[in-house]
Every structure is written in C-alpha cells, then in structure tokens.
C-alpha cells in the first residue's frame, strides 16, 4: 500500500511549467499562488484565467489528495458566437487536462511507508 504525500507549492509550480511546455494552445497562462492557511504553510491554488469570459478555473487539492476544479461564477450572462463558445469550451477542456495531469503527478509522487 502506498501513502500519498502532499506536493509542495514549488513542486506544483514545476509541474505546471512542465505541462505548459506541452503547448496546449487554449490553456492560457496558469498561475500557482500561495494561500493563507493556518494548518498548512505550503498551501496553494492553481488559477487558470479564461480568455473568452470573465471567469477563472481554480484547481486545488482536497484532503484526500484529489484535484478539484472550481469554475468561478460570472457576474453577467455569456453571449457570443459559435466560435466564442468553441473557444470557451477549449479553455475549460485545457484546464481539465491540467487538472488530470496534476492528479497523475500527485499519484506518481506517492511514497512507500517505512
């Protein structure tokens, strides 16, 4: 049985760079930011700002080391052309691929108990 360990902010930043290097065109520019958390000095969030709407996708680890995505609420309705909708879909899909990539890397970082 393996015990997963929580990756550090620096590891996540490196993983995000590795993912960006794959050249996913609709990804935009994800950022890894520290969070204030009294229980975890190394808390972080990955933010992907969307270009087609005024919204963002937040990626965070939950307590079970699962990557969870949150699409922020928009203050107004989204109205656009078919191409705008396709572009938005591509951005959300790219954020989903980043989330899946981070999940794979987190599980690959599991360590054997001593």
Protein backbone atom coordinates (compact mmCIF):
# COMPACT_ATOMS: atom_id res chain seq x y z
CA UNK A 1 0.00 0.00 0.00
CA UNK A 2 1.30 3.47 -0.82
CA UNK A 3 0.79 6.63 1.15
CA UNK A 4 0.41 9.71 -0.98
CA UNK A 5 2.19 12.83 0.17
CA UNK A 6 1.02 16.34 -0.46
CA UNK A 7 3.23 18.04 -3.08
CA UNK A 8 4.79 21.39 -2.22
CA UNK A 9 4.00 24.71 -3.88
CA UNK A 10 7.40 24.56 -5.62
CA UNK A 11 6.69 21.07 -6.99
CA UNK A 12 3.30 22.18 -8.31
CA UNK A 13 4.85 25.25 -9.96
CA UNK A 14 7.37 22.97 -11.69
CA UNK A 15 4.64 20.55 -12.79
CA UNK A 16 2.58 23.43 -14.22
CA UNK A 17 5.67 24.58 -16.20
CA UNK A 18 6.14 21.03 -17.49
CA UNK A 19 2.50 20.92 -18.60
CA UNK A 20 2.73 24.34 -20.28
CA UNK A 21 5.76 23.12 -22.23
CA UNK A 22 3.46 20.60 -23.95
CA UNK A 23 1.98 23.57 -25.82
CA UNK A 24 -1.73 23.14 -25.15
CA UNK A 25 -2.98 26.12 -27.22
CA UNK A 26 -6.15 27.06 -25.29
CA UNK A 27 -4.60 26.83 -21.82
CA UNK A 28 -3.78 30.49 -21.33
CA UNK A 29 -1.33 31.22 -18.52
CA UNK A 30 -1.94 29.19 -15.34
CA UNK A 31 -0.53 30.63 -12.13
CA UNK A 32 0.37 28.90 -8.88
CA UNK A 33 -0.32 31.16 -5.92
CA UNK A 34 0.22 30.66 -2.20
CA UNK A 35 -2.81 30.70 0.09
CA UNK A 36 -3.19 31.74 3.70
CA UNK A 37 -3.81 28.57 5.68
CA UNK A 38 -3.01 28.29 9.38
CA UNK A 39 -2.82 24.49 9.09
CA UNK A 40 -0.60 24.35 6.01
CA UNK A 41 2.24 26.81 5.45
CA UNK A 42 2.70 25.47 1.91
CA UNK A 43 -0.94 25.85 0.80
CA UNK A 44 -1.51 26.88 -2.81
CA UNK A 45 -4.06 27.25 -5.58
CA UNK A 46 -3.59 26.94 -9.34
CA UNK A 47 -5.57 29.58 -11.24
CA UNK A 48 -6.33 29.48 -14.96
CA UNK A 49 -7.89 32.75 -16.16
CA UNK A 50 -10.20 32.23 -19.12
CA UNK A 51 -9.90 34.49 -22.15
CA UNK A 52 -13.38 34.09 -23.64
CA UNK A 53 -15.29 35.04 -20.47
CA UNK A 54 -14.57 36.98 -17.30
CA UNK A 55 -14.06 33.85 -15.19
CA UNK A 56 -11.34 31.54 -13.94
CA UNK A 57 -10.82 27.90 -13.06
CA UNK A 58 -9.29 27.22 -9.64
CA UNK A 59 -7.52 23.90 -9.12
CA UNK A 60 -6.89 22.71 -5.57
CA UNK A 61 -6.02 19.53 -3.72
CA UNK A 62 -8.63 18.27 -1.29
CA UNK A 63 -7.83 16.38 1.92
CA UNK A 64 -7.86 13.06 0.02
CA UNK A 65 -5.26 14.40 -2.46
CA UNK A 66 -7.78 14.64 -5.26
CA UNK A 67 -7.51 17.64 -7.57
CA UNK A 68 -10.78 19.56 -7.57
CA UNK A 69 -11.72 22.20 -10.14
CA UNK A 70 -13.94 25.21 -9.47
CA UNK A 71 -15.26 27.41 -12.28
CA UNK A 72 -15.87 30.86 -10.84
CA UNK A 73 -19.25 32.49 -11.14
CA UNK A 74 -19.71 35.10 -13.82
CA UNK A 75 -21.31 38.44 -12.97
CA UNK A 76 -23.18 38.57 -16.31
CA UNK A 77 -24.53 36.23 -18.94
CA UNK A 78 -22.19 34.95 -21.64
CA UNK A 79 -23.31 35.93 -25.13
CA UNK A 80 -21.14 35.07 -28.09
CA UNK A 81 -20.80 33.46 -31.47
CA UNK A 82 -20.33 29.79 -32.14
CA UNK A 83 -16.57 30.42 -32.28
CA UNK A 84 -16.67 32.13 -28.87
CA UNK A 85 -18.46 29.11 -27.41
CA UNK A 86 -16.00 26.71 -29.04
CA UNK A 87 -13.10 28.79 -27.66
CA UNK A 88 -14.58 28.76 -24.17
CA UNK A 89 -15.06 25.01 -24.37
CA UNK A 90 -11.44 24.56 -25.44
CA UNK A 91 -10.24 26.67 -22.49
CA UNK A 92 -12.27 24.65 -19.98
CA UNK A 93 -11.08 21.41 -21.61
CA UNK A 94 -7.44 22.56 -21.36
CA UNK A 95 -7.94 23.37 -17.66
CA UNK A 96 -9.41 19.87 -17.25
CA UNK A 97 -6.32 18.35 -18.88
CA UNK A 98 -4.10 20.33 -16.50
CA UNK A 99 -6.17 19.07 -13.56
CA UNK A 100 -5.78 15.45 -14.77
CA UNK A 101 -2.03 15.96 -15.31
CA UNK A 102 -1.61 17.30 -11.76
CA UNK A 103 -3.58 14.31 -10.44
CA UNK A 104 -1.28 11.86 -12.26
CA UNK A 105 1.83 13.64 -10.97
CA UNK A 106 0.44 13.69 -7.42
CA UNK A 107 -0.17 9.95 -7.51
CA UNK A 108 3.24 9.34 -9.10
CA UNK A 109 4.75 11.14 -6.08
CA UNK A 110 3.31 8.59 -3.66
CA UNK A 111 5.84 7.09 -1.29
CA UNK A 112 6.11 3.68 0.30
CA UNK A 113 5.69 3.58 4.11
CA UNK A 114 8.76 2.57 6.08
